[in-house]
C-alpha atoms as a PDB file:
ATOM      1  CA  MET A   1       6.121  -1.266  10.358  1.00  0.00           C
ATOM      2  CA  GLU A   2       7.160  -3.892  13.219  1.00  0.00           C
ATOM      3  CA  ASN A   3       4.468  -2.261  15.930  1.00  0.00           C
ATOM      4  CA  LEU A   4       1.336  -2.051  14.138  1.00  0.00           C
ATOM      5  CA  LYS A   5      -0.039   0.185  16.796  1.00  0.00           C
ATOM      6  CA  TYR A   6       2.248   3.041  15.302  1.00  0.00           C
ATOM      7  CA  ASP A   7       0.763   2.780  11.573  1.00  0.00           C
ATOM      8  CA  TRP A   8      -0.852   5.050   9.009  1.00  0.00           C
ATOM      9  CA  LEU A   9      -3.807   5.096  10.913  1.00  0.00           C
ATOM     10  CA  HIS A  10      -2.004   5.878  14.043  1.00  0.00           C
ATOM     11  CA  PHE A  11      -0.531   8.832  12.861  1.00  0.00           C
ATOM     12  CA  ALA A  12      -4.175   9.907  10.810  1.00  0.00           C
ATOM     13  CA  GLU A  13      -5.686  10.804  14.310  1.00  0.00           C
ATOM     14  CA  ARG A  14      -2.170  12.551  15.451  1.00  0.00           C
ATOM     15  CA  SER A  15      -2.299  14.558  12.992  1.00  0.00           C
ATOM     16  CA  GLY A  16      -5.656  16.742  14.281  1.00  0.00           C
ATOM     17  CA  GLU A  17      -8.743  17.164  14.946  1.00  0.00           C
ATOM     18  CA  ALA A  18     -10.068  16.283  11.428  1.00  0.00           C
ATOM     19  CA  GLY A  19      -7.837  13.193  11.552  1.00  0.00           C
ATOM     20  CA  ARG A  20      -9.579  11.784  14.762  1.00  0.00           C
ATOM     21  CA  ALA A  21     -12.945  12.443  12.808  1.00  0.00           C
ATOM     22  CA  TRP A  22     -11.605  10.301   9.863  1.00  0.00           C
ATOM     23  CA  ALA A  23     -10.110   7.681  12.335  1.00  0.00           C
ATOM     24  CA  VAL A  24     -13.682   7.409  13.847  1.00  0.00           C
ATOM     25  CA  ALA A  25     -15.623   6.580  10.482  1.00  0.00           C
ATOM     26  CA  TYR A  26     -12.983   4.502   9.439  1.00  0.00           C
ATOM     27  CA  ARG A  27     -13.473   1.930  12.500  1.00  0.00           C
ATOM     28  CA  ARG A  28     -16.901   1.627  11.690  1.00  0.00           C
ATOM     29  CA  HIS A  29     -15.895  -0.618   8.689  1.00  0.00           C
ATOM     30  CA  LEU A  30     -12.901  -2.280  10.640  1.00  0.00           C
ATOM     31  CA  ASP A  31     -15.124  -5.689  10.108  1.00  0.00           C
ATOM     32  CA  LYS A  32     -14.121  -5.071   6.195  1.00  0.00           C
ATOM     33  CA  VAL A  33     -10.677  -4.338   6.773  1.00  0.00           C
ATOM     34  CA  GLU A  34     -10.061  -7.474   9.227  1.00  0.00           C
ATOM     35  CA  LEU A  35     -12.111  -9.916   6.122  1.00  0.00           C
ATOM     36  CA  SER A  36      -9.353  -8.337   3.579  1.00  0.00           C
ATOM     37  CA  GLU A  37      -7.007  -9.491   6.054  1.00  0.00           C
ATOM     38  CA  ARG A  38      -8.359 -13.104   6.665  1.00  0.00           C
ATOM     39  CA  ALA A  39      -8.718 -13.480   2.951  1.00  0.00           C
ATOM     40  CA  LEU A  40      -5.027 -12.405   1.889  1.00  0.00           C
ATOM     41  CA  VAL A  41      -4.154 -14.670   4.879  1.00  0.00           C
ATOM     42  CA  LEU A  42      -5.859 -17.661   2.779  1.00  0.00           C
ATOM     43  CA  LEU A  43      -4.257 -16.453   0.030  1.00  0.00           C
ATOM     44  CA  ARG A  44      -0.407 -16.900   1.277  1.00  0.00           C
ATOM     45  CA  THR A  45      -1.118 -20.466   2.524  1.00  0.00           C
ATOM     46  CA  GLY A  46      -2.525 -21.497  -0.812  1.00  0.00           C
ATOM     47  CA  LYS A  47      -5.874 -21.538   0.167  1.00  0.00           C
ATOM     48  CA  ILE A  48      -7.000 -20.091  -3.314  1.00  0.00           C
ATOM     49  CA  ALA A  49     -10.639 -21.461  -3.569  1.00  0.00           C
ATOM     50  CA  GLU A  50     -11.322 -20.199   0.310  1.00  0.00           C
ATOM     51  CA  GLY A  51      -9.530 -16.420  -0.165  1.00  0.00           C
ATOM     52  CA  GLY A  52     -11.876 -15.573  -3.441  1.00  0.00           C
ATOM     53  CA  LYS A  53     -14.974 -16.378  -1.561  1.00  0.00           C
ATOM     54  CA  MET A  54     -13.757 -14.371   1.055  1.00  0.00           C
ATOM     55  CA  LEU A  55     -12.852 -11.626  -1.537  1.00  0.00           C
ATOM     56  CA  GLN A  56     -16.507 -11.819  -2.985  1.00  0.00           C
ATOM     57  CA  GLU A  57     -17.748 -11.700   0.560  1.00  0.00           C
ATOM     58  CA  LEU A  58     -15.650  -8.308   1.109  1.00  0.00           C
ATOM     59  CA  ALA A  59     -17.166  -7.057  -2.336  1.00  0.00           C
ATOM     60  CA  GLY A  60     -20.631  -7.504  -1.368  1.00  0.00           C
ATOM     61  CA  GLN A  61     -20.270  -5.568   2.213  1.00  0.00           C
ATOM     62  CA  LEU A  62     -18.508  -2.826   0.689  1.00  0.00           C
ATOM     63  CA  THR A  63     -21.725  -1.909  -0.879  1.00  0.00           C
ATOM     64  CA  ASN A  64     -22.522  -0.703   2.813  1.00  0.00           C
ATOM     65  CA  ALA A  65     -19.332   2.175   2.950  1.00  0.00           C
ATOM     66  CA  ARG A  66     -21.457   3.945   0.559  1.00  0.00           C
ATOM     67  CA  GLY A  67     -22.462   6.243   2.528  1.00  0.00           C
ATOM     68  CA  GLU A  68     -18.969   7.309   4.176  1.00  0.00           C
ATOM     69  CA  SER A  69     -16.737   9.966   2.865  1.00  0.00           C
ATOM     70  CA  GLU A  70     -14.980   9.187   0.037  1.00  0.00           C
ATOM     71  CA  SER A  71     -11.762   9.041   1.559  1.00  0.00           C
ATOM     72  CA  VAL A  72     -13.113   6.399   3.762  1.00  0.00           C
ATOM     73  CA  ARG A  73     -14.450   4.397   0.746  1.00  0.00           C
ATOM     74  CA  ALA A  74     -11.181   5.100  -1.414  1.00  0.00           C
ATOM     75  CA  VAL A  75      -9.122   3.377   1.506  1.00  0.00           C
ATOM     76  CA  LEU A  76     -11.635   0.654   1.889  1.00  0.00           C
ATOM     77  CA  ASP A  77     -10.885   0.170  -1.708  1.00  0.00           C
ATOM     78  CA  ARG A  78      -7.550  -0.011  -1.265  1.00  0.00           C
ATOM     79  CA  TRP A  79      -7.488  -2.991   0.574  1.00  0.00           C
ATOM     80  CA  PHE A  80      -9.866  -4.828  -1.612  1.00  0.00           C
ATOM     81  CA  TYR A  81      -8.310  -4.167  -4.769  1.00  0.00           C
ATOM     82  CA  GLY A  82      -4.734  -5.238  -3.043  1.00  0.00           C
ATOM     83  CA  VAL A  83      -6.142  -8.530  -1.968  1.00  0.00           C
ATOM     84  CA  ALA A  84      -7.839  -9.451  -5.549  1.00  0.00           C
ATOM     85  CA  GLY A  85      -4.631  -8.328  -7.239  1.00  0.00           C
ATOM     86  CA  TYR A  86      -2.860 -10.905  -4.992  1.00  0.00           C
ATOM     87  CA  HIS A  87      -5.926 -13.485  -5.877  1.00  0.00           C
ATOM     88  CA  SER A  88      -5.367 -13.071  -9.598  1.00  0.00           C
ATOM     89  CA  TYR A  89      -1.912 -13.088  -9.465  1.00  0.00           C
ATOM     90  CA  CYS A  90      -2.397 -16.441  -7.299  1.00  0.00           C
ATOM     91  CA  LEU A  91      -4.167 -17.729 -10.414  1.00  0.00           C
ATOM     92  CA  GLY A  92      -2.051 -16.460 -13.168  1.00  0.00           C
ATOM     93  CA  ARG A  93      -4.555 -13.994 -14.225  1.00  0.00           C
ATOM     94  CA  PHE A  94      -1.657 -11.510 -14.391  1.00  0.00           C
ATOM     95  CA  ASP A  95      -3.574  -8.658 -16.780  1.00  0.00           C
ATOM     96  CA  GLU A  96      -6.196  -8.941 -13.894  1.00  0.00           C
ATOM     97  CA  ALA A  97      -3.307  -8.864 -11.115  1.00  0.00           C
ATOM     98  CA  ARG A  98      -1.444  -5.501 -12.955  1.00  0.00           C
ATOM     99  CA  GLU A  99      -5.108  -3.595 -13.149  1.00  0.00           C
ATOM    100  CA  SER A 100      -6.158  -4.219  -9.517  1.00  0.00           C
ATOM    101  CA  MET A 101      -2.689  -2.747  -8.296  1.00  0.00           C
ATOM    102  CA  ASP A 102      -3.290   0.248 -10.687  1.00  0.00           C
ATOM    103  CA  LEU A 103      -6.967   0.362  -9.052  1.00  0.00           C
ATOM    104  CA  ALA A 104      -5.376   0.126  -5.616  1.00  0.00           C
ATOM    105  CA  HIS A 105      -3.036   2.750  -6.264  1.00  0.00           C
ATOM    106  CA  THR A 106      -5.856   5.087  -7.730  1.00  0.00           C
ATOM    107  CA  ALA A 107      -7.774   4.213  -4.362  1.00  0.00           C
ATOM    108  CA  VAL A 108      -4.808   5.780  -2.354  1.00  0.00           C
ATOM    109  CA  LYS A 109      -4.462   8.610  -4.369  1.00  0.00           C
ATOM    110  CA  SER A 110      -7.679   9.219  -4.111  1.00  0.00           C
ATOM    111  CA  ALA A 111      -7.935   8.993  -0.216  1.00  0.00           C
ATOM    112  CA  ILE A 112      -4.713  11.449   0.002  1.00  0.00           C
ATOM    113  CA  SER A 113      -6.098  14.054  -2.349  1.00  0.00           C
ATOM    114  CA  GLN A 114      -9.364  14.048   0.087  1.00  0.00           C
ATOM    115  CA  ASP A 115      -7.940  14.141   3.416  1.00  0.00           C
ATOM    116  CA  GLY A 116      -4.244  14.946   4.145  1.00  0.00           C
ATOM    117  CA  CYS A 117      -3.886  13.218   7.121  1.00  0.00           C
ATOM    118  CA  LEU A 118      -3.468  10.066   5.854  1.00  0.00           C
ATOM    119  CA  MET A 119      -0.215  11.145   3.760  1.00  0.00           C
ATOM    120  CA  MET A 120       1.775   7.769   5.250  1.00  0.00           C
ATOM    121  CA  LEU A 121      -0.261   5.850   2.991  1.00  0.00           C
ATOM    122  CA  ALA A 122       1.605   6.979   0.325  1.00  0.00           C
ATOM    123  CA  VAL A 123       4.029   4.832   0.936  1.00  0.00           C
ATOM    124  CA  HIS A 124       1.661   2.212  -0.321  1.00  0.00           C
ATOM    125  CA  CYS A 125       2.674   3.202  -3.733  1.00  0.00           C
ATOM    126  CA  GLN A 126       6.006   2.128  -3.803  1.00  0.00           C
ATOM    127  CA  GLU A 127       4.350  -1.445  -2.843  1.00  0.00           C
ATOM    128  CA  PHE A 128       2.170  -1.061  -5.758  1.00  0.00           C
ATOM    129  CA  CYS A 129       5.389  -0.586  -7.951  1.00  0.00           C
ATOM    130  CA  LEU A 130       6.992  -3.117  -6.700  1.00  0.00           C
ATOM    131  CA  HIS A 131       3.948  -6.234  -6.890  1.00  0.00           C
ATOM    132  CA  GLN A 132       4.110  -4.569 -10.536  1.00  0.00           C
ATOM    133  CA  ALA A 133       6.988  -6.176 -10.944  1.00  0.00           C
ATOM    134  CA  ARG A 134       6.740  -8.828  -9.556  1.00  0.00           C
ATOM    135  CA  ILE A 135       3.939  -9.535 -11.761  1.00  0.00           C
ATOM    136  CA  ALA A 136       5.977  -8.876 -15.142  1.00  0.00           C
ATOM    137  CA  ARG A 137       8.553 -11.151 -13.676  1.00  0.00           C
ATOM    138  CA  ASN A 138       5.985 -13.837 -13.931  1.00  0.00           C
ATOM    139  CA  GLN A 139       4.905 -12.619 -17.256  1.00  0.00           C
ATOM    140  CA  ARG A 140       8.644 -12.905 -18.374  1.00  0.00           C
ATOM    141  CA  ARG A 141       8.419  -8.928 -19.360  1.00  0.00           C
ATOM    142  CA  TRP A 142      12.158  -7.869 -18.354  1.00  0.00           C
ATOM    143  CA  PRO A 143      12.212  -4.519 -19.485  1.00  0.00           C
ATOM    144  CA  GLU A 144       8.789  -3.961 -17.676  1.00  0.00           C
ATOM    145  CA  MET A 145       9.917  -5.647 -14.275  1.00  0.00           C
ATOM    146  CA  HIS A 146      13.349  -3.613 -14.806  1.00  0.00           C
ATOM    147  CA  ALA A 147      11.227  -0.504 -15.317  1.00  0.00           C
ATOM    148  CA  CYS A 148       8.952  -0.992 -12.495  1.00  0.00           C
ATOM    149  CA  ILE A 149      12.290  -1.535  -9.962  1.00  0.00           C
ATOM    150  CA  GLU A 150      13.821   1.640 -11.554  1.00  0.00           C
ATOM    151  CA  ARG A 151      10.741   3.728 -10.888  1.00  0.00           C
ATOM    152  CA  ALA A 152      10.553   2.371  -6.780  1.00  0.00           C
ATOM    153  CA  GLN A 153      14.304   2.773  -6.808  1.00  0.00           C
ATOM    154  CA  GLY A 154      13.792   6.557  -7.388  1.00  0.00           C
ATOM    155  CA  MET A 155      11.096   6.914  -4.828  1.00  0.00           C
ATOM    156  CA  VAL A 156      13.217   5.703  -2.464  1.00  0.00           C
ATOM    157  CA  LEU A 157      15.994   7.822  -3.363  1.00  0.00           C
ATOM    158  CA  ASP A 158      13.590  10.814  -3.265  1.00  0.00           C
ATOM    159  CA  ARG A 159      13.272  11.431  -7.076  1.00  0.00           C
ATOM    160  CA  VAL A 160      10.595  10.050  -7.836  1.00  0.00           C
ATOM    161  CA  PRO A 161       7.553  10.712  -6.042  1.00  0.00           C
ATOM    162  CA  LEU A 162       5.763   8.009  -4.131  1.00  0.00           C
ATOM    163  CA  CYS A 163       2.245   9.707  -5.326  1.00  0.00           C
ATOM    164  CA  GLU A 164       0.737  12.680  -6.823  1.00  0.00           C
ATOM    165  CA  LYS A 165      -2.236  14.107  -5.488  1.00  0.00           C
ATOM    166  CA  ASN A 166      -5.616  15.396  -7.401  1.00  0.00           C
ATOM    167  CA  ASN A 167      -4.151  19.073  -7.250  1.00  0.00           C
ATOM    168  CA  GLN A 168      -0.786  17.438  -8.823  1.00  0.00           C
ATOM    169  CA  GLN A 169       1.077  18.023  -5.562  1.00  0.00           C
ATOM    170  CA  LYS A 170       3.554  15.510  -5.268  1.00  0.00           C
ATOM    171  CA  ILE A 171       4.391  13.693  -2.106  1.00  0.00           C
ATOM    172  CA  TRP A 172       8.334  12.219  -1.584  1.00  0.00           C
ATOM    173  CA  PHE A 173       9.832  10.315   1.099  1.00  0.00           C
ATOM    174  CA  SER A 174      11.135  13.838   2.472  1.00  0.00           C
ATOM    175  CA  THR A 175       7.359  15.153   2.652  1.00  0.00           C
ATOM    176  CA  PHE A 176       6.630  13.221   5.447  1.00  0.00           C
ATOM    177  CA  ARG A 177       9.330  15.401   7.831  1.00  0.00           C
ATOM    178  CA  LYS A 178       7.159  18.267   7.719  1.00  0.00           C
ATOM    179  CA  PHE A 179       4.415  15.812   8.180  1.00  0.00           C
ATOM    180  CA  PHE A 180       5.712  14.492  11.478  1.00  0.00           C
ATOM    181  CA  ALA A 181       7.524  17.609  12.413  1.00  0.00           C
ATOM    182  CA  SER A 182       3.701  19.115  12.680  1.00  0.00           C
ATOM    183  CA  MET A 183       2.364  16.778  15.173  1.00  0.00           C
ATOM    184  CA  ALA A 184       6.033  17.417  17.636  1.00  0.00           C
ATOM    185  CA  PRO A 185       6.827  16.478  20.359  1.00  0.00           C
ATOM    186  CA  LEU A 186       6.568  12.626  19.260  1.00  0.00           C
ATOM    187  CA  THR A 187       7.126   9.910  21.877  1.00  0.00           C
ATOM    188  CA  PRO A 188      10.105   7.527  20.811  1.00  0.00           C
ATOM    189  CA  GLU A 189       8.086   4.620  19.161  1.00  0.00           C
ATOM    190  CA  GLU A 190       6.450   7.105  16.741  1.00  0.00           C
ATOM    191  CA  SER A 191      10.182   8.362  16.400  1.00  0.00           C
ATOM    192  CA  SER A 192      11.402   5.712  15.736  1.00  0.00           C
ATOM    193  CA  VAL A 193       8.353   4.906  12.740  1.00  0.00           C
ATOM    194  CA  ALA A 194       9.384   8.228  11.464  1.00  0.00           C
ATOM    195  CA  ALA A 195      12.987   7.583  11.322  1.00  0.00           C
ATOM    196  CA  LYS A 196      12.428   4.515   9.092  1.00  0.00           C
ATOM    197  CA  LEU A 197      10.668   6.199   6.661  1.00  0.00           C
ATOM    198  CA  LEU A 198      12.995   9.819   7.208  1.00  0.00           C
ATOM    199  CA  ASP A 199      16.242   7.426   6.644  1.00  0.00           C
ATOM    200  CA  ARG A 200      17.517   7.218   3.319  1.00  0.00           C
ATOM    201  CA  GLU A 201      20.043   4.847   3.719  1.00  0.00           C
ATOM    202  CA  LYS A 202      17.388   2.177   6.300  1.00  0.00           C
ATOM    203  CA  ARG A 203      15.156   2.924   2.562  1.00  0.00           C
ATOM    204  CA  THR A 204      18.160   1.384   0.619  1.00  0.00           C
ATOM    205  CA  ARG A 205      19.016  -1.683   2.094  1.00  0.00           C
ATOM    206  CA  LEU A 206      15.449  -3.009   2.431  1.00  0.00           C
ATOM    207  CA  PHE A 207      14.923  -2.248  -1.321  1.00  0.00           C
ATOM    208  CA  ASP A 208      17.782  -3.948  -1.852  1.00  0.00           C
ATOM    209  CA  GLN A 209      17.114  -6.846  -0.216  1.00  0.00           C
ATOM    210  CA  PHE A 210      13.939  -7.074  -1.688  1.00  0.00           C
ATOM    211  CA  VAL A 211      15.425  -6.554  -5.301  1.00  0.00           C
ATOM    212  CA  ARG A 212      17.999  -9.130  -4.735  1.00  0.00           C
ATOM    213  CA  ARG A 213      15.625 -11.856  -4.056  1.00  0.00           C
ATOM    214  CA  LEU A 214      13.159 -10.696  -6.839  1.00  0.00           C
ATOM    215  CA  LEU A 215      16.276 -10.842  -9.446  1.00  0.00           C
ATOM    216  CA  ARG A 216      17.126 -14.261  -8.024  1.00  0.00           C
ATOM    217  CA  PHE A 217      13.770 -16.019  -8.383  1.00  0.00           C
ATOM    218  CA  GLN A 218      13.502 -14.397 -12.068  1.00  0.00           C
ATOM    219  CA  GLU A 219      17.293 -16.118 -12.892  1.00  0.00           C
ATOM    220  CA  ILE A 220      16.780 -19.611 -11.438  1.00  0.00           C
ATOM    221  CA  GLY A 221      13.247 -19.207 -13.048  1.00  0.00           C
ATOM    222  CA  ILE A 222      11.289 -19.613  -9.992  1.00  0.00           C
ATOM    223  CA  GLU A 223       7.768 -18.248 -10.339  1.00  0.00           C
ATOM    224  CA  TYR A 224       7.414 -17.025  -6.961  1.00  0.00           C
ATOM    225  CA  PRO A 225       4.534 -15.054  -4.941  1.00  0.00           C
END
């Protein structure tokens, strides 16, 4: 989302009293979230060793979050496994990267299953699917890459759920309509964010741009993160 002020955490708080209480608990660990973001920046700028060291530091700090609710810990795990997966990707350890993406997806599923106010995190599950496509591309596992792309496209078109909670309840892009309606009236800024998620044409346009880029690097044989 372009305006980070109106991210998933903002809407978790907006969803009601339970969401506000959850955010208070989560913000006690923002230092860990920031550490994961710094590690990711290092990795993206080619500083793999430094990023890996910071990732190890984050792993140690996460032991301090064990007293929190399962959903708070699960969201922190989502950040950790997301960065860990990218670290493995940068090192060419693609099987490890794939496993980390699976663990990040499981963390999101656990968080949403525990607290409905975190519903917007389900969008990350589509991101994980596209990351899996990248990993498969770099291993030249073309059928797997195309299967991941097809699944992600199904999510965009609301034919495949973004996530399925532990109680088998499925979350689709269209599910967000009711979620946003429960907070009405939305501010203009909030409405803009909601529109980006609910507008199928916009979702499809962004998805197509990503896939064209992914396939272009496949065709010319470049391994690009």
